[in-house]
């Protein structure tokens, strides 16, 4: 009994330490790429000029924490990229958020599912390829996931036992989510719907449900006031309460609103960021490449893009565990209806929002705020192990889950499960930050050094014979559909570098036949 108790105390920090090591190791030899430097630059501007500094895109105040790692040197890209230590310092804040989220997932799982369920939830989180992929990037995706999960956790506690000790942390966590991602505004309709469903349950049991509704409305109003206050405090009240007419709106949606004399109780930069987000939704050609799903390029995407990302970029063992969770619905411990609602509704809302409303369908990282709740649902599958043989099945699934993820080390961004067949097939399904979102020059140089006989041409400007190496985003045409049409439509990859750069062999004979030379 004593050894079991000791093991329960040791395993959670050990799993978090393993995850931390994987995050550090998988970030080595990878300079800042894509959005990372722009995010870092905004964090430094916020530190240097204050909360009124221009965003220049959808940049959020939480990025200040990343910029603390390079503020002394001015956060210049060449300086940060000059050493592994410099890169780790600016990515450290994101890694800490990733580990904090793991601790939260474990705590919530343990409170609902018991010790075994808490450990199962932490295992599924620590070896989740998507959190390992984005838990070491200078982005706000993982911080947004942490604060979203924390706000849902405190909201869950608040509705079970209403008390100010949960209201204030819930408001703080929601504020953190808003300071990380504008899409965290989705929390408000999710909370409203959950409150309504909770009220319906109580109305069936109480003699005077109107009294309960009044209390709930008062608590909700207090919650909104606290969040508005905390958001303003984060921006030091810069530009708060300016009237609608004082802004020069970029988006048609904001210009169409005729509320000129109404003061807006939010900071100027925060409101301008919302306007710019709306502008990007309306002007799909600005600020990004094309959406890519199953060989098709588009500006507005397809409804099934994000469900497909979940299907292909989640270890298959997880879906089996979800099935076991359903099969073990009568086994103890059993989450109550309220817990299932808080775990499932936010995930469904996040997926539905991005699938049906967002024009940018660039990667599963957008869904990270909804994934911790899904992981908790999967951890319920541990309850299936009520007998010896069932326990062996559960253990095998957890082992398969981790092995599938770790087989991609250190390139977790490129993770796809076994449904795609050969790993070089990934580009046929998805691209962008689902596959090719890191700087792999170091790994390409190593591959070239090991194979000098290939005389590899890296992303040549036009058709050529011999070995050709092309990044997945360039290959599928996200930034220019015609450049590598000759390659993707006439040849198949024979290898890869870091899974996201595809190696082709182009024999000289077919060039004249296809008109490519």
Protein backbone atom coordinates (compact mmCIF):
# COMPACT_ATOMS: atom_id res chain seq x y z
CA UNK A 1 0.00 0.00 0.00
CA UNK A 2 2.83 2.38 0.89
CA UNK A 3 4.62 1.66 -2.39
CA UNK A 4 1.42 2.31 -4.37
CA UNK A 5 0.94 5.62 -2.58
CA UNK A 6 4.56 6.58 -3.29
CA UNK A 7 4.12 5.67 -6.95
CA UNK A 8 1.02 7.87 -7.23
CA UNK A 9 3.00 10.80 -5.87
CA UNK A 10 6.01 10.21 -8.10
CA UNK A 11 4.34 9.49 -11.44
CA UNK A 12 2.70 12.89 -12.11
CA UNK A 13 5.89 14.97 -11.70
CA UNK A 14 7.82 12.28 -13.58
CA UNK A 15 5.44 12.45 -16.55
CA UNK A 16 5.64 16.26 -16.55
CA UNK A 17 9.45 16.04 -16.42
CA UNK A 18 9.41 13.66 -19.41
CA UNK A 19 7.16 16.05 -21.31
CA UNK A 20 9.44 18.98 -20.43
CA UNK A 21 12.46 17.04 -21.71
CA UNK A 22 10.65 16.19 -24.96
CA UNK A 23 9.69 19.84 -25.46
CA UNK A 24 13.29 20.97 -25.00
CA UNK A 25 14.83 18.23 -27.14
CA UNK A 26 12.35 18.71 -29.99
CA UNK A 27 13.08 22.44 -30.14
CA UNK A 28 16.84 22.01 -30.67
CA UNK A 29 18.35 22.99 -34.04
CA UNK A 30 15.13 24.75 -35.05
CA UNK A 31 15.45 28.55 -35.48
CA UNK A 32 12.45 30.86 -35.20
CA UNK A 33 10.05 30.11 -38.03
CA UNK A 34 6.87 31.52 -39.57
CA UNK A 35 4.91 33.47 -36.92
CA UNK A 36 7.44 33.05 -34.12
CA UNK A 37 9.55 36.12 -34.74
CA UNK A 38 6.57 38.40 -35.44
CA UNK A 39 5.03 37.24 -32.17
CA UNK A 40 8.28 37.83 -30.34
CA UNK A 41 8.63 41.29 -31.88
CA UNK A 42 5.19 42.31 -30.62
CA UNK A 43 5.98 41.04 -27.14
CA UNK A 44 9.11 43.19 -27.15
CA UNK A 45 7.21 46.25 -28.45
CA UNK A 46 4.72 45.79 -25.63
CA UNK A 47 7.59 45.75 -23.13
CA UNK A 48 9.44 48.64 -24.76
CA UNK A 49 6.58 51.01 -25.64
CA UNK A 50 3.83 49.86 -23.34
CA UNK A 51 0.33 48.47 -23.98
CA UNK A 52 -0.38 51.06 -26.68
CA UNK A 53 2.22 49.57 -29.04
CA UNK A 54 0.79 48.66 -32.46
CA UNK A 55 -0.06 44.98 -32.91
CA UNK A 56 0.75 44.66 -36.65
CA UNK A 57 -1.44 41.60 -36.89
CA UNK A 58 -3.23 39.37 -34.42
CA UNK A 59 -0.61 39.58 -31.67
CA UNK A 60 -1.53 39.24 -28.02
CA UNK A 61 -0.13 40.59 -24.71
CA UNK A 62 0.67 37.10 -23.41
CA UNK A 63 3.64 37.14 -25.81
CA UNK A 64 5.35 39.57 -23.43
CA UNK A 65 6.35 36.53 -21.38
CA UNK A 66 8.28 35.11 -24.36
CA UNK A 67 9.93 38.45 -25.01
CA UNK A 68 11.29 38.56 -21.46
CA UNK A 69 13.80 35.95 -22.59
CA UNK A 70 15.47 38.33 -25.06
CA UNK A 71 14.51 41.83 -23.88
CA UNK A 72 18.06 42.62 -22.79
CA UNK A 73 19.34 42.13 -26.37
CA UNK A 74 16.41 43.83 -28.10
CA UNK A 75 14.86 40.54 -29.33
CA UNK A 76 16.65 40.72 -32.69
CA UNK A 77 16.04 37.64 -34.79
CA UNK A 78 19.70 37.00 -35.61
CA UNK A 79 20.66 37.30 -31.94
CA UNK A 80 17.97 34.91 -30.77
CA UNK A 81 18.79 32.38 -33.50
CA UNK A 82 22.51 32.56 -32.74
CA UNK A 83 22.38 29.99 -29.93
CA UNK A 84 20.24 27.17 -28.59
CA UNK A 85 20.19 28.94 -25.23
CA UNK A 86 18.72 32.06 -26.83
CA UNK A 87 16.00 30.05 -28.52
CA UNK A 88 15.15 28.13 -25.36
CA UNK A 89 14.85 31.36 -23.36
CA UNK A 90 12.22 32.84 -25.67
CA UNK A 91 10.34 29.53 -25.90
CA UNK A 92 10.50 28.83 -22.18
CA UNK A 93 7.27 30.68 -21.33
CA UNK A 94 5.28 28.52 -23.75
CA UNK A 95 6.85 25.36 -22.33
CA UNK A 96 5.87 26.43 -18.81
CA UNK A 97 2.28 26.95 -19.93
CA UNK A 98 2.34 23.49 -21.52
CA UNK A 99 3.46 21.92 -18.23
CA UNK A 100 0.96 23.94 -16.19
CA UNK A 101 -1.78 22.68 -18.48
CA UNK A 102 -0.60 19.13 -17.85
CA UNK A 103 -0.81 19.69 -14.09
CA UNK A 104 -4.33 21.08 -14.50
CA UNK A 105 -5.47 18.15 -16.66
CA UNK A 106 -4.13 15.76 -14.02
CA UNK A 107 -5.85 17.58 -11.18
CA UNK A 108 -9.21 17.77 -12.93
CA UNK A 109 -8.99 14.15 -14.03
CA UNK A 110 -8.10 13.02 -10.51
CA UNK A 111 -11.00 14.95 -8.97
CA UNK A 112 -13.52 13.35 -11.33
CA UNK A 113 -12.02 9.99 -12.29
CA UNK A 114 -9.88 9.12 -9.28
CA UNK A 115 -6.13 8.53 -9.10
CA UNK A 116 -6.01 6.16 -12.07
CA UNK A 117 -8.10 8.51 -14.20
CA UNK A 118 -5.90 11.48 -13.31
CA UNK A 119 -2.75 9.60 -14.30
CA UNK A 120 -4.43 8.41 -17.49
CA UNK A 121 -5.38 11.99 -18.40
CA UNK A 122 -1.84 13.21 -17.74
CA UNK A 123 -0.37 10.37 -19.84
CA UNK A 124 -2.66 11.19 -22.76
CA UNK A 125 -1.75 14.86 -22.47
CA UNK A 126 2.01 14.45 -21.97
CA UNK A 127 2.29 12.27 -25.08
CA UNK A 128 -0.21 14.19 -27.19
CA UNK A 129 1.66 15.01 -30.42
CA UNK A 130 -0.12 18.34 -30.90
CA UNK A 131 0.81 19.75 -27.50
CA UNK A 132 4.37 18.47 -27.94
CA UNK A 133 4.42 20.14 -31.37
CA UNK A 134 3.23 23.57 -30.25
CA UNK A 135 4.27 23.57 -26.61
CA UNK A 136 7.70 24.95 -27.56
CA UNK A 137 6.79 27.65 -30.07
CA UNK A 138 6.63 31.42 -29.61
CA UNK A 139 2.89 31.49 -30.19
CA UNK A 140 -0.17 32.03 -28.01
CA UNK A 141 -1.91 28.73 -28.88
CA UNK A 142 -0.79 26.76 -25.81
CA UNK A 143 -1.28 29.67 -23.35
CA UNK A 144 -4.80 30.06 -24.76
CA UNK A 145 -5.38 26.32 -24.23
CA UNK A 146 -4.16 26.56 -20.62
CA UNK A 147 -6.32 29.56 -19.72
CA UNK A 148 -9.35 28.12 -21.50
CA UNK A 149 -9.04 24.83 -19.60
CA UNK A 150 -8.51 26.74 -16.33
CA UNK A 151 -11.58 28.92 -16.92
CA UNK A 152 -13.68 25.81 -17.66
CA UNK A 153 -12.32 24.07 -14.57
CA UNK A 154 -13.19 26.95 -12.24
CA UNK A 155 -16.54 27.40 -13.98
CA UNK A 156 -17.24 23.71 -13.37
CA UNK A 157 -16.39 24.13 -9.68
CA UNK A 158 -18.33 27.38 -9.43
CA UNK A 159 -21.55 25.83 -10.72
CA UNK A 160 -21.22 22.84 -8.40
CA UNK A 161 -20.60 24.98 -5.30
CA UNK A 162 -21.18 28.69 -5.99
CA UNK A 163 -18.60 30.78 -4.15
CA UNK A 164 -16.45 33.85 -4.78
CA UNK A 165 -13.34 31.69 -4.32
CA UNK A 166 -14.11 30.14 -7.71
CA UNK A 167 -15.66 33.20 -9.39
CA UNK A 168 -12.52 35.34 -9.22
CA UNK A 169 -10.13 32.61 -10.51
CA UNK A 170 -12.61 31.86 -13.31
CA UNK A 171 -12.65 35.54 -14.30
CA UNK A 172 -8.85 35.71 -14.14
CA UNK A 173 -8.46 32.58 -16.27
CA UNK A 174 -10.97 33.89 -18.81
CA UNK A 175 -9.03 37.15 -18.96
CA UNK A 176 -5.84 35.18 -19.58
CA UNK A 177 -7.56 33.37 -22.44
CA UNK A 178 -8.68 36.69 -23.97
CA UNK A 179 -5.15 38.07 -23.67
CA UNK A 180 -3.90 35.00 -25.55
CA UNK A 181 -6.43 34.57 -28.39
CA UNK A 182 -9.38 36.63 -29.62
CA UNK A 183 -11.21 33.40 -30.36
CA UNK A 184 -11.41 32.92 -26.58
CA UNK A 185 -14.47 35.16 -26.78
CA UNK A 186 -16.20 31.89 -27.61
CA UNK A 187 -16.07 31.15 -23.87
CA UNK A 188 -18.91 33.59 -23.23
CA UNK A 189 -21.58 31.87 -25.36
CA UNK A 190 -20.32 28.49 -24.12
CA UNK A 191 -20.71 29.61 -20.50
CA UNK A 192 -24.14 31.05 -21.28
CA UNK A 193 -25.33 27.79 -22.82
CA UNK A 194 -23.93 25.73 -19.95
CA UNK A 195 -25.63 28.02 -17.43
CA UNK A 196 -28.91 27.65 -19.26
CA UNK A 197 -28.63 23.86 -19.24
CA UNK A 198 -27.70 23.93 -15.55
CA UNK A 199 -30.72 26.13 -14.81
CA UNK A 200 -33.00 23.72 -16.67
CA UNK A 201 -31.75 20.87 -14.50
CA UNK A 202 -32.37 22.87 -11.32
CA UNK A 203 -35.76 24.10 -12.53
CA UNK A 204 -36.99 20.51 -12.58
CA UNK A 205 -36.00 20.07 -8.94
CA UNK A 206 -36.70 23.47 -7.32
CA UNK A 207 -40.05 24.94 -6.28
CA UNK A 208 -39.01 28.51 -7.20
CA UNK A 209 -36.63 28.37 -10.17
CA UNK A 210 -37.04 32.13 -10.76
CA UNK A 211 -35.03 32.88 -7.63
CA UNK A 212 -32.21 30.66 -8.86
CA UNK A 213 -32.29 32.40 -12.25
CA UNK A 214 -31.92 35.82 -10.62
CA UNK A 215 -28.91 34.67 -8.60
CA UNK A 216 -27.34 33.15 -11.69
CA UNK A 217 -27.86 36.35 -13.70
CA UNK A 218 -26.31 38.44 -10.93
CA UNK A 219 -23.28 36.15 -10.73
CA UNK A 220 -22.92 36.24 -14.53
CA UNK A 221 -23.04 40.05 -14.55
CA UNK A 222 -20.38 40.18 -11.82
CA UNK A 223 -18.24 37.76 -13.81
CA UNK A 224 -18.42 39.91 -16.97
CA UNK A 225 -17.57 43.07 -14.99
CA UNK A 226 -14.54 41.37 -13.46
CA UNK A 227 -13.28 40.17 -16.86
CA UNK A 228 -13.67 43.65 -18.38
CA UNK A 229 -11.83 45.14 -15.41
CA UNK A 230 -8.98 42.63 -15.64
CA UNK A 231 -8.59 43.08 -19.42
CA UNK A 232 -8.37 46.85 -18.96
CA UNK A 233 -5.83 46.42 -16.18
CA UNK A 234 -3.64 44.27 -18.46
CA UNK A 235 -3.51 47.15 -20.96
CA UNK A 236 -3.18 49.74 -18.15
CA UNK A 237 -6.54 51.19 -19.30
CA UNK A 238 -4.88 52.60 -22.45
CA UNK A 239 -7.60 54.00 -24.73
CA UNK A 240 -10.47 52.54 -22.73
CA UNK A 241 -13.95 54.08 -22.98
CA UNK A 242 -13.27 55.77 -26.31
CA UNK A 243 -16.42 56.22 -28.36
CA UNK A 244 -17.12 54.13 -31.43
CA UNK A 245 -16.76 57.23 -33.63
CA UNK A 246 -13.14 57.75 -32.52
CA UNK A 247 -11.97 54.63 -34.36
CA UNK A 248 -11.06 54.22 -38.01
CA UNK A 249 -12.48 50.80 -38.74
CA UNK A 250 -10.85 48.43 -41.25
CA UNK A 251 -13.53 45.75 -41.45
CA UNK A 252 -16.91 46.12 -43.11
CA UNK A 253 -18.58 44.42 -40.16
CA UNK A 254 -17.39 47.05 -37.68
CA UNK A 255 -18.04 49.96 -40.05
CA UNK A 256 -21.61 48.75 -40.51
CA UNK A 257 -22.41 49.19 -36.81
CA UNK A 258 -23.93 52.61 -36.10
CA UNK A 259 -23.19 53.15 -32.42
CA UNK A 260 -21.04 56.25 -32.79
CA UNK A 261 -21.62 57.83 -29.39
CA UNK A 262 -21.38 54.70 -27.27
CA UNK A 263 -18.13 54.43 -25.25
CA UNK A 264 -16.37 51.07 -25.52
CA UNK A 265 -15.23 49.82 -22.09
CA UNK A 266 -12.19 48.01 -23.50
CA UNK A 267 -8.62 49.09 -24.42
CA UNK A 268 -8.05 50.67 -27.83
CA UNK A 269 -5.47 48.11 -29.02
CA UNK A 270 -7.71 45.21 -27.98
CA UNK A 271 -10.63 46.63 -29.98
CA UNK A 272 -8.40 47.34 -32.98
CA UNK A 273 -7.25 43.73 -32.90
CA UNK A 274 -10.85 42.52 -32.99
CA UNK A 275 -11.49 44.80 -35.96
CA UNK A 276 -8.41 43.49 -37.76
CA UNK A 277 -9.47 39.88 -37.10
CA UNK A 278 -12.81 40.68 -38.73
CA UNK A 279 -10.96 42.32 -41.63
CA UNK A 280 -8.91 39.15 -42.19
CA UNK A 281 -12.10 37.08 -42.26
CA UNK A 282 -13.45 39.37 -45.00
CA UNK A 283 -10.20 39.59 -46.99
CA UNK A 284 -8.95 36.04 -47.25
CA UNK A 285 -6.09 37.06 -49.52
CA UNK A 286 -4.37 39.07 -46.75
CA UNK A 287 -1.77 37.76 -44.35
CA UNK A 288 -1.73 34.06 -45.20
CA UNK A 289 -1.54 31.47 -47.93
CA UNK A 290 -4.30 29.28 -49.29
CA UNK A 291 -6.13 26.61 -47.31
CA UNK A 292 -5.18 23.08 -48.33
CA UNK A 293 -7.22 19.92 -47.71
CA UNK A 294 -6.90 16.61 -49.58
CA UNK A 295 -5.23 18.04 -52.66
CA UNK A 296 -7.54 21.04 -52.99
CA UNK A 297 -6.55 24.68 -52.50
CA UNK A 298 -9.15 27.24 -51.48
CA UNK A 299 -9.51 30.66 -49.89
CA UNK A 300 -12.44 29.90 -47.58
CA UNK A 301 -11.80 26.26 -46.74
CA UNK A 302 -14.17 23.34 -46.36
CA UNK A 303 -16.39 22.41 -43.41
CA UNK A 304 -14.67 19.08 -42.74
CA UNK A 305 -11.10 20.41 -42.54
CA UNK A 306 -10.85 20.52 -38.74
CA UNK A 307 -12.64 17.19 -38.13
CA UNK A 308 -10.17 15.67 -40.62
CA UNK A 309 -7.27 17.18 -38.66
CA UNK A 310 -8.55 15.56 -35.47
CA UNK A 311 -8.99 12.23 -37.23
CA UNK A 312 -5.51 12.15 -38.78
CA UNK A 313 -3.41 13.99 -36.18
CA UNK A 314 -4.60 12.14 -33.09
CA UNK A 315 -3.10 8.73 -32.22
CA UNK A 316 -5.56 6.00 -33.19
CA UNK A 317 -5.30 4.48 -29.72
CA UNK A 318 -7.08 7.53 -28.37
CA UNK A 319 -10.21 6.80 -30.39
CA UNK A 320 -10.15 3.25 -29.03
CA UNK A 321 -9.97 4.67 -25.50
CA UNK A 322 -12.96 6.90 -26.23
CA UNK A 323 -14.80 3.75 -27.29
CA UNK A 324 -13.83 2.03 -24.05
CA UNK A 325 -15.05 5.08 -22.10
CA UNK A 326 -18.47 4.58 -23.67
CA UNK A 327 -18.37 0.82 -23.05
CA UNK A 328 -17.50 1.41 -19.37
CA UNK A 329 -20.26 3.95 -18.76
CA UNK A 330 -21.62 1.87 -15.87
CA UNK A 331 -18.24 1.45 -14.17
CA UNK A 332 -17.16 3.61 -11.24
CA UNK A 333 -16.15 6.37 -10.89
CA UNK A 334 -18.84 7.82 -13.16
CA UNK A 335 -18.78 11.54 -14.03
CA UNK A 336 -22.15 13.20 -13.57
CA UNK A 337 -24.14 14.81 -16.39
CA UNK A 338 -22.81 18.28 -15.56
CA UNK A 339 -19.19 17.16 -15.86
CA UNK A 340 -19.82 15.51 -19.23
CA UNK A 341 -21.44 18.73 -20.48
CA UNK A 342 -18.47 20.86 -19.38
CA UNK A 343 -16.06 18.42 -21.05
CA UNK A 344 -17.88 17.92 -24.33
CA UNK A 345 -19.73 21.15 -25.13
CA UNK A 346 -16.64 23.43 -25.28
CA UNK A 347 -14.83 20.98 -27.56
CA UNK A 348 -17.82 20.74 -29.90
CA UNK A 349 -18.18 24.54 -29.85
CA UNK A 350 -14.50 25.10 -30.77
CA UNK A 351 -14.62 22.62 -33.65
CA UNK A 352 -17.95 23.95 -34.93
CA UNK A 353 -16.80 27.57 -34.72
CA UNK A 354 -13.65 27.01 -36.75
CA UNK A 355 -15.29 24.59 -39.16
CA UNK A 356 -18.29 26.76 -40.02
CA UNK A 357 -17.17 30.34 -39.37
CA UNK A 358 -13.40 30.62 -39.86
CA UNK A 359 -11.94 31.12 -43.32
CA UNK A 360 -8.41 30.29 -42.15
CA UNK A 361 -8.09 26.51 -41.74
CA UNK A 362 -4.34 26.38 -41.33
CA UNK A 363 -3.78 23.85 -38.58
CA UNK A 364 -4.99 21.81 -35.64
CA UNK A 365 -3.24 24.31 -33.36
CA UNK A 366 -6.39 26.43 -33.60
CA UNK A 367 -8.26 23.64 -31.80
CA UNK A 368 -5.82 23.29 -28.89
CA UNK A 369 -8.12 25.14 -26.43
CA UNK A 370 -10.74 22.42 -26.92
CA UNK A 371 -8.44 19.39 -26.73
CA UNK A 372 -7.82 19.12 -22.94
CA UNK A 373 -11.52 18.44 -22.34
CA UNK A 374 -11.45 15.76 -25.04
CA UNK A 375 -8.39 14.21 -23.41
CA UNK A 376 -10.30 13.97 -20.13
CA UNK A 377 -13.09 12.14 -21.94
CA UNK A 378 -10.54 9.66 -23.31
CA UNK A 379 -9.01 9.16 -19.87
CA UNK A 380 -12.39 7.80 -18.72
CA UNK A 381 -11.49 4.72 -20.80
CA UNK A 382 -9.22 3.57 -17.96
CA UNK A 383 -12.39 2.54 -16.10
CA UNK A 384 -12.79 -0.26 -18.65
CA UNK A 385 -9.94 -2.14 -16.97
CA UNK A 386 -12.15 -3.80 -14.35
CA UNK A 387 -10.66 -7.26 -14.95
CA UNK A 388 -7.12 -8.52 -15.59
CA UNK A 389 -7.61 -9.01 -19.33
CA UNK A 390 -9.34 -5.67 -19.69
CA UNK A 391 -6.46 -3.98 -17.87
CA UNK A 392 -4.03 -5.51 -20.35
CA UNK A 393 -6.09 -4.06 -23.22
CA UNK A 394 -6.07 -0.60 -21.60
CA UNK A 395 -2.30 -0.75 -20.92
CA UNK A 396 -1.63 -1.83 -24.51
CA UNK A 397 -3.64 1.13 -25.84
CA UNK A 398 -1.78 3.61 -23.63
CA UNK A 399 1.55 2.13 -24.75
CA UNK A 400 0.52 2.30 -28.42
CA UNK A 401 -0.57 5.91 -27.93
CA UNK A 402 2.82 6.98 -26.59
CA UNK A 403 4.82 4.87 -29.07
CA UNK A 404 2.94 6.34 -32.03
CA UNK A 405 3.71 9.87 -30.87
CA UNK A 406 7.34 9.26 -29.94
CA UNK A 407 8.05 7.62 -33.30
CA UNK A 408 7.99 11.13 -34.78
CA UNK A 409 10.50 12.61 -32.34
CA UNK A 410 11.73 15.34 -32.66
CA UNK A 411 9.32 16.47 -35.40
CA UNK A 412 5.92 16.41 -33.69
CA UNK A 413 4.42 19.13 -35.92
CA UNK A 414 4.48 16.59 -38.76
CA UNK A 415 2.69 13.89 -36.77
CA UNK A 416 0.01 11.89 -38.60
CA UNK A 417 -1.44 8.60 -37.45
CA UNK A 418 -1.41 5.31 -39.33
CA UNK A 419 -4.49 6.12 -41.42
CA UNK A 420 -2.36 7.94 -44.02
CA UNK A 421 -0.26 4.86 -44.81
CA UNK A 422 3.37 5.76 -45.59
CA UNK A 423 4.46 8.93 -43.83
CA UNK A 424 5.41 10.60 -47.08
CA UNK A 425 1.68 10.61 -47.89
CA UNK A 426 0.88 13.28 -45.30
CA UNK A 427 1.04 16.11 -47.84
CA UNK A 428 -1.77 14.50 -49.81
CA UNK A 429 -4.15 15.22 -46.91
CA UNK A 430 -3.04 18.38 -45.06
CA UNK A 431 -0.22 20.90 -44.98
CA UNK A 432 0.65 24.31 -43.46
CA UNK A 433 1.06 24.16 -39.65
CA UNK A 434 -0.25 20.59 -39.71
CA UNK A 435 2.96 19.46 -41.43
CA UNK A 436 5.48 22.07 -42.55
CA UNK A 437 5.83 24.78 -39.90
CA UNK A 438 9.41 24.61 -38.67
CA UNK A 439 12.82 25.68 -39.95
CA UNK A 440 14.55 22.42 -40.92
CA UNK A 441 17.71 23.80 -42.52
CA UNK A 442 19.89 21.98 -39.98
CA UNK A 443 18.28 18.62 -40.74
CA UNK A 444 18.40 19.23 -44.49
CA UNK A 445 22.12 20.04 -44.29
CA UNK A 446 22.75 16.85 -42.31
CA UNK A 447 20.84 14.78 -44.86
CA UNK A 448 22.82 16.33 -47.73
CA UNK A 449 26.09 15.67 -45.91
CA UNK A 450 25.15 11.99 -45.47
CA UNK A 451 24.14 11.65 -49.13
CA UNK A 452 26.57 13.71 -51.24
CA UNK A 453 26.06 11.30 -54.12
CA UNK A 454 22.49 12.55 -54.58
CA UNK A 455 23.45 16.16 -55.39
CA UNK A 456 20.09 17.24 -53.99
CA UNK A 457 18.52 20.44 -55.32
CA UNK A 458 16.57 22.12 -52.51
CA UNK A 459 13.44 23.86 -53.78
CA UNK A 460 14.78 24.68 -57.28
CA UNK A 461 13.10 27.58 -59.10
CA UNK A 462 11.97 25.37 -61.99
CA UNK A 463 11.87 21.80 -63.34
CA UNK A 464 15.11 19.85 -63.24
CA UNK A 465 16.30 16.25 -63.28
CA UNK A 466 17.90 14.46 -60.37
CA UNK A 467 17.02 14.50 -56.67
CA UNK A 468 14.76 17.37 -55.65
CA UNK A 469 13.79 18.27 -52.07
CA UNK A 470 10.75 20.49 -51.54
CA UNK A 471 8.88 21.56 -48.41
CA UNK A 472 5.28 20.38 -48.23
CA UNK A 473 3.83 23.91 -48.25
CA UNK A 474 5.71 24.82 -51.40
CA UNK A 475 4.93 21.47 -52.99
CA UNK A 476 1.14 21.68 -52.61
CA UNK A 477 1.07 25.33 -53.66
CA UNK A 478 -0.07 27.17 -50.53
CA UNK A 479 2.01 30.20 -51.52
CA UNK A 480 2.00 29.66 -55.28
CA UNK A 481 -0.03 26.87 -56.90
CA UNK A 482 1.92 26.76 -60.17
CA UNK A 483 5.53 26.66 -59.01
CA UNK A 484 5.71 22.93 -58.27
CA UNK A 485 2.73 21.66 -60.21
CA UNK A 486 5.20 19.89 -62.52
CA UNK A 487 6.56 17.93 -59.55
CA UNK A 488 3.44 17.02 -57.58
CA UNK A 489 1.39 15.98 -60.64
CA UNK A 490 4.02 13.81 -62.34
CA UNK A 491 6.17 12.31 -59.58
CA UNK A 492 5.88 10.67 -56.17
CA UNK A 493 8.23 11.18 -53.21
CA UNK A 494 10.90 8.55 -52.59
CA UNK A 495 11.90 9.86 -49.16
CA UNK A 496 11.70 12.78 -46.76
CA UNK A 497 13.62 15.01 -44.39
CA UNK A 498 11.90 15.66 -41.05
CA UNK A 499 8.69 14.30 -42.64
CA UNK A 500 7.77 17.75 -43.95
CA UNK A 501 10.31 18.04 -46.80
CA UNK A 502 9.66 15.54 -49.58
CA UNK A 503 12.46 14.00 -51.62
CA UNK A 504 11.76 13.22 -55.29
CA UNK A 505 13.84 11.56 -57.94
CA UNK A 506 13.22 13.06 -61.39
CA UNK A 507 14.82 10.96 -64.15
CA UNK A 508 15.97 12.98 -67.15
CA UNK A 509 13.96 10.90 -69.64
CA UNK A 510 10.43 12.00 -68.64
CA UNK A 511 11.23 15.70 -68.83
CA UNK A 512 10.87 16.09 -72.62
CA UNK A 513 7.81 13.81 -72.66
CA UNK A 514 5.90 15.89 -70.13
CA UNK A 515 7.09 19.19 -71.52
CA UNK A 516 8.66 20.10 -68.20
CA UNK A 517 12.11 21.09 -69.38
